[in-house]
């Protein structure tokens, strides 16, 4: 896992990544965290999310995605269903779901440059050390990068 600081969404628009992944709940909301920014900048990703069944427990551990063409470049935005719900004080991320999602990303996007935030460790309350280990194992051999959010110039 490579680590950089910056704005994942801007880096994606700038062509640094071929694939970006973010963690989603199974309720087709995308109204908080990085999902809100993805919904605004890449509405096709939200449309892909809305093509799934709202509240379906069977989505947990699966992905949906959108293929976006901009300035002659192809970008895939992956909605990784890593948590079922989005409410409550408990840890919301499902570690097995993270593993399943990342294995599917590897299967579909092997050889591409992959970027992601701290999936499951923000609003979902997961343990980043545990999640990072899962991601490293699932994406072993791939070029994948954690982007810690930092606004340019700050």
C-alpha atoms as a PDB file:
ATOM      1  CA  UNK A   1       0.000   0.000   0.000  1.00  0.00           C
ATOM      2  CA  UNK A   2       1.410   3.301  -1.089  1.00  0.00           C
ATOM      3  CA  UNK A   3       0.436   6.369   0.972  1.00  0.00           C
ATOM      4  CA  UNK A   4       0.022   9.916  -0.315  1.00  0.00           C
ATOM      5  CA  UNK A   5      -1.743  13.025   0.917  1.00  0.00           C
ATOM      6  CA  UNK A   6      -4.165  14.982  -1.218  1.00  0.00           C
ATOM      7  CA  UNK A   7      -7.696  15.079  -2.558  1.00  0.00           C
ATOM      8  CA  UNK A   8      -8.637  11.642  -3.899  1.00  0.00           C
ATOM      9  CA  UNK A   9     -11.373  13.026  -6.133  1.00  0.00           C
ATOM     10  CA  UNK A  10      -9.152  15.702  -7.648  1.00  0.00           C
ATOM     11  CA  UNK A  11      -6.362  13.185  -8.168  1.00  0.00           C
ATOM     12  CA  UNK A  12      -8.861  10.914  -9.935  1.00  0.00           C
ATOM     13  CA  UNK A  13      -9.983  13.768 -12.188  1.00  0.00           C
ATOM     14  CA  UNK A  14      -6.332  14.588 -12.903  1.00  0.00           C
ATOM     15  CA  UNK A  15      -5.719  11.039 -14.164  1.00  0.00           C
ATOM     16  CA  UNK A  16      -3.551   9.802 -11.290  1.00  0.00           C
ATOM     17  CA  UNK A  17      -5.830   6.773 -10.797  1.00  0.00           C
ATOM     18  CA  UNK A  18      -7.753   4.474 -13.122  1.00  0.00           C
ATOM     19  CA  UNK A  19      -9.995   3.215 -10.315  1.00  0.00           C
ATOM     20  CA  UNK A  20     -11.157   4.818  -7.083  1.00  0.00           C
ATOM     21  CA  UNK A  21     -12.983   2.914  -4.369  1.00  0.00           C
ATOM     22  CA  UNK A  22     -15.092   4.166  -1.502  1.00  0.00           C
ATOM     23  CA  UNK A  23     -17.095   2.358   1.148  1.00  0.00           C
ATOM     24  CA  UNK A  24     -20.889   2.494   0.930  1.00  0.00           C
ATOM     25  CA  UNK A  25     -23.851   1.422   2.982  1.00  0.00           C
ATOM     26  CA  UNK A  26     -26.600  -0.691   1.422  1.00  0.00           C
ATOM     27  CA  UNK A  27     -29.219   2.091   1.430  1.00  0.00           C
ATOM     28  CA  UNK A  28     -28.272   4.081  -1.702  1.00  0.00           C
ATOM     29  CA  UNK A  29     -27.731   7.342   0.177  1.00  0.00           C
ATOM     30  CA  UNK A  30     -24.215   8.672  -0.538  1.00  0.00           C
ATOM     31  CA  UNK A  31     -24.976  11.726   1.602  1.00  0.00           C
ATOM     32  CA  UNK A  32     -22.014  11.845   3.997  1.00  0.00           C
ATOM     33  CA  UNK A  33     -18.243  11.608   4.017  1.00  0.00           C
ATOM     34  CA  UNK A  34     -16.400  11.167   0.738  1.00  0.00           C
ATOM     35  CA  UNK A  35     -19.525   9.574  -0.758  1.00  0.00           C
ATOM     36  CA  UNK A  36     -21.173  13.005  -0.820  1.00  0.00           C
ATOM     37  CA  UNK A  37     -18.292  14.386  -2.883  1.00  0.00           C
ATOM     38  CA  UNK A  38     -18.362  11.388  -5.205  1.00  0.00           C
ATOM     39  CA  UNK A  39     -22.103  11.809  -5.706  1.00  0.00           C
ATOM     40  CA  UNK A  40     -21.571  15.477  -6.644  1.00  0.00           C
ATOM     41  CA  UNK A  41     -18.514  15.053  -8.891  1.00  0.00           C
ATOM     42  CA  UNK A  42     -19.251  11.648 -10.366  1.00  0.00           C
ATOM     43  CA  UNK A  43     -23.060  11.335 -10.468  1.00  0.00           C
ATOM     44  CA  UNK A  44     -22.740   8.174 -12.547  1.00  0.00           C
ATOM     45  CA  UNK A  45     -21.447   6.411  -9.418  1.00  0.00           C
ATOM     46  CA  UNK A  46     -24.595   7.407  -7.534  1.00  0.00           C
ATOM     47  CA  UNK A  47     -26.700   6.239 -10.483  1.00  0.00           C
ATOM     48  CA  UNK A  48     -24.924   2.855 -10.331  1.00  0.00           C
ATOM     49  CA  UNK A  49     -25.660   2.694  -6.593  1.00  0.00           C
ATOM     50  CA  UNK A  50     -29.340   3.467  -7.219  1.00  0.00           C
ATOM     51  CA  UNK A  51     -29.554   0.578  -9.710  1.00  0.00           C
ATOM     52  CA  UNK A  52     -29.115  -1.769  -6.743  1.00  0.00           C
ATOM     53  CA  UNK A  53     -31.898  -2.693  -4.319  1.00  0.00           C
ATOM     54  CA  UNK A  54     -32.107  -0.218  -1.427  1.00  0.00           C
ATOM     55  CA  UNK A  55     -31.600  -1.915   1.942  1.00  0.00           C
ATOM     56  CA  UNK A  56     -30.734  -5.322   0.461  1.00  0.00           C
ATOM     57  CA  UNK A  57     -28.503  -7.174   2.927  1.00  0.00           C
ATOM     58  CA  UNK A  58     -27.287  -9.281  -0.005  1.00  0.00           C
ATOM     59  CA  UNK A  59     -25.327  -6.289  -1.341  1.00  0.00           C
ATOM     60  CA  UNK A  60     -22.939  -6.405   1.612  1.00  0.00           C
ATOM     61  CA  UNK A  61     -19.523  -7.463   0.324  1.00  0.00           C
ATOM     62  CA  UNK A  62     -20.341  -6.684  -3.315  1.00  0.00           C
ATOM     63  CA  UNK A  63     -19.633  -3.683  -5.520  1.00  0.00           C
ATOM     64  CA  UNK A  64     -21.288  -1.528  -8.135  1.00  0.00           C
ATOM     65  CA  UNK A  65     -19.325   0.768 -10.391  1.00  0.00           C
ATOM     66  CA  UNK A  66     -19.474   3.501 -12.976  1.00  0.00           C
ATOM     67  CA  UNK A  67     -17.218   3.976 -15.990  1.00  0.00           C
ATOM     68  CA  UNK A  68     -16.533   7.659 -16.525  1.00  0.00           C
ATOM     69  CA  UNK A  69     -14.841   9.155 -19.561  1.00  0.00           C
ATOM     70  CA  UNK A  70     -13.256  12.583 -19.128  1.00  0.00           C
ATOM     71  CA  UNK A  71     -10.673  14.316 -21.281  1.00  0.00           C
ATOM     72  CA  UNK A  72      -9.982  11.077 -23.151  1.00  0.00           C
ATOM     73  CA  UNK A  73      -9.333   9.173 -19.915  1.00  0.00           C
ATOM     74  CA  UNK A  74     -11.271   6.303 -18.423  1.00  0.00           C
ATOM     75  CA  UNK A  75     -12.016   6.248 -14.694  1.00  0.00           C
ATOM     76  CA  UNK A  76     -13.925   3.608 -12.765  1.00  0.00           C
ATOM     77  CA  UNK A  77     -15.609   4.685  -9.530  1.00  0.00           C
ATOM     78  CA  UNK A  78     -16.330   1.668  -7.341  1.00  0.00           C
ATOM     79  CA  UNK A  79     -19.053   1.678  -4.712  1.00  0.00           C
ATOM     80  CA  UNK A  80     -17.891  -0.985  -2.249  1.00  0.00           C
ATOM     81  CA  UNK A  81     -20.725  -2.152   0.008  1.00  0.00           C
ATOM     82  CA  UNK A  82     -18.663  -2.443   3.177  1.00  0.00           C
ATOM     83  CA  UNK A  83     -21.384  -1.659   5.712  1.00  0.00           C
ATOM     84  CA  UNK A  84     -25.079  -2.456   5.864  1.00  0.00           C
ATOM     85  CA  UNK A  85     -26.467   0.522   7.754  1.00  0.00           C
ATOM     86  CA  UNK A  86     -25.340   4.085   8.389  1.00  0.00           C
ATOM     87  CA  UNK A  87     -26.763   4.740  11.858  1.00  0.00           C
ATOM     88  CA  UNK A  88     -25.810   3.799  15.378  1.00  0.00           C
ATOM     89  CA  UNK A  89     -22.863   4.115  17.727  1.00  0.00           C
ATOM     90  CA  UNK A  90     -21.399   0.678  17.009  1.00  0.00           C
ATOM     91  CA  UNK A  91     -18.730  -0.119  14.446  1.00  0.00           C
ATOM     92  CA  UNK A  92     -20.634  -0.186  11.160  1.00  0.00           C
ATOM     93  CA  UNK A  93     -17.980  -1.575   8.824  1.00  0.00           C
ATOM     94  CA  UNK A  94     -18.082  -5.298   8.102  1.00  0.00           C
ATOM     95  CA  UNK A  95     -14.497  -6.535   7.769  1.00  0.00           C
ATOM     96  CA  UNK A  96     -15.490  -9.612   5.756  1.00  0.00           C
ATOM     97  CA  UNK A  97     -17.381  -7.318   3.373  1.00  0.00           C
ATOM     98  CA  UNK A  98     -14.257  -5.178   2.945  1.00  0.00           C
ATOM     99  CA  UNK A  99     -12.296  -8.313   2.007  1.00  0.00           C
ATOM    100  CA  UNK A 100     -14.941  -9.498  -0.470  1.00  0.00           C
ATOM    101  CA  UNK A 101     -15.153  -6.075  -2.098  1.00  0.00           C
ATOM    102  CA  UNK A 102     -11.394  -5.761  -2.471  1.00  0.00           C
ATOM    103  CA  UNK A 103     -11.069  -9.234  -3.944  1.00  0.00           C
ATOM    104  CA  UNK A 104     -13.717  -8.298  -6.509  1.00  0.00           C
ATOM    105  CA  UNK A 105     -11.847  -5.074  -7.302  1.00  0.00           C
ATOM    106  CA  UNK A 106      -8.688  -7.119  -7.880  1.00  0.00           C
ATOM    107  CA  UNK A 107     -10.570  -9.538 -10.120  1.00  0.00           C
ATOM    108  CA  UNK A 108     -12.122  -6.789 -12.256  1.00  0.00           C
ATOM    109  CA  UNK A 109      -9.415  -4.116 -12.253  1.00  0.00           C
ATOM    110  CA  UNK A 110      -6.098  -5.945 -11.942  1.00  0.00           C
ATOM    111  CA  UNK A 111      -3.250  -3.960 -13.483  1.00  0.00           C
ATOM    112  CA  UNK A 112      -4.971  -0.606 -13.032  1.00  0.00           C
ATOM    113  CA  UNK A 113      -3.894   2.198 -10.690  1.00  0.00           C
ATOM    114  CA  UNK A 114      -6.218   2.054  -7.671  1.00  0.00           C
ATOM    115  CA  UNK A 115      -6.834   4.809  -5.119  1.00  0.00           C
ATOM    116  CA  UNK A 116      -8.999   4.943  -2.016  1.00  0.00           C
ATOM    117  CA  UNK A 117      -9.544   6.803   1.286  1.00  0.00           C
ATOM    118  CA  UNK A 118      -9.500   5.102   4.707  1.00  0.00           C
ATOM    119  CA  UNK A 119     -12.451   2.898   3.763  1.00  0.00           C
ATOM    120  CA  UNK A 120     -14.516   1.901   6.784  1.00  0.00           C
ATOM    121  CA  UNK A 121     -12.388   3.828   9.279  1.00  0.00           C
ATOM    122  CA  UNK A 122     -14.169   7.186   9.194  1.00  0.00           C
ATOM    123  CA  UNK A 123     -17.925   7.392   9.656  1.00  0.00           C
ATOM    124  CA  UNK A 124     -18.169   3.574   9.820  1.00  0.00           C
ATOM    125  CA  UNK A 125     -15.881   3.503  12.881  1.00  0.00           C
ATOM    126  CA  UNK A 126     -13.631   0.618  11.861  1.00  0.00           C
ATOM    127  CA  UNK A 127     -10.068  -0.117  12.934  1.00  0.00           C
ATOM    128  CA  UNK A 128      -7.830   1.228  10.140  1.00  0.00           C
ATOM    129  CA  UNK A 129      -4.929  -1.109  10.995  1.00  0.00           C
ATOM    130  CA  UNK A 130      -7.202  -4.105  10.518  1.00  0.00           C
ATOM    131  CA  UNK A 131      -8.758  -2.674   7.340  1.00  0.00           C
ATOM    132  CA  UNK A 132      -5.351  -1.789   5.866  1.00  0.00           C
ATOM    133  CA  UNK A 133      -4.170  -5.369   6.431  1.00  0.00           C
ATOM    134  CA  UNK A 134      -7.281  -6.712   4.672  1.00  0.00           C
ATOM    135  CA  UNK A 135      -6.760  -4.358   1.718  1.00  0.00           C
ATOM    136  CA  UNK A 136      -3.060  -5.220   1.447  1.00  0.00           C
ATOM    137  CA  UNK A 137      -3.824  -8.938   1.405  1.00  0.00           C
ATOM    138  CA  UNK A 138      -6.690  -8.664  -1.084  1.00  0.00           C
ATOM    139  CA  UNK A 139      -4.883  -6.293  -3.457  1.00  0.00           C
ATOM    140  CA  UNK A 140      -1.486  -7.978  -3.175  1.00  0.00           C
ATOM    141  CA  UNK A 141       0.534  -7.381  -6.337  1.00  0.00           C
ATOM    142  CA  UNK A 142      -1.577  -4.426  -7.460  1.00  0.00           C
ATOM    143  CA  UNK A 143      -0.643  -0.737  -7.599  1.00  0.00           C
ATOM    144  CA  UNK A 144      -2.907   0.627  -4.875  1.00  0.00           C
ATOM    145  CA  UNK A 145      -2.706   3.851  -2.929  1.00  0.00           C
ATOM    146  CA  UNK A 146      -4.253   5.201   0.255  1.00  0.00           C
ATOM    147  CA  UNK A 147      -4.967   8.904  -0.149  1.00  0.00           C
ATOM    148  CA  UNK A 148      -5.110  10.745   3.165  1.00  0.00           C
ATOM    149  CA  UNK A 149      -7.207  13.840   2.625  1.00  0.00           C
ATOM    150  CA  UNK A 150      -5.313  17.101   2.554  1.00  0.00           C
ATOM    151  CA  UNK A 151      -6.339  20.295   0.804  1.00  0.00           C
ATOM    152  CA  UNK A 152      -3.612  21.646  -1.489  1.00  0.00           C
ATOM    153  CA  UNK A 153      -1.613  24.454   0.114  1.00  0.00           C
ATOM    154  CA  UNK A 154      -2.627  23.634   3.694  1.00  0.00           C
END
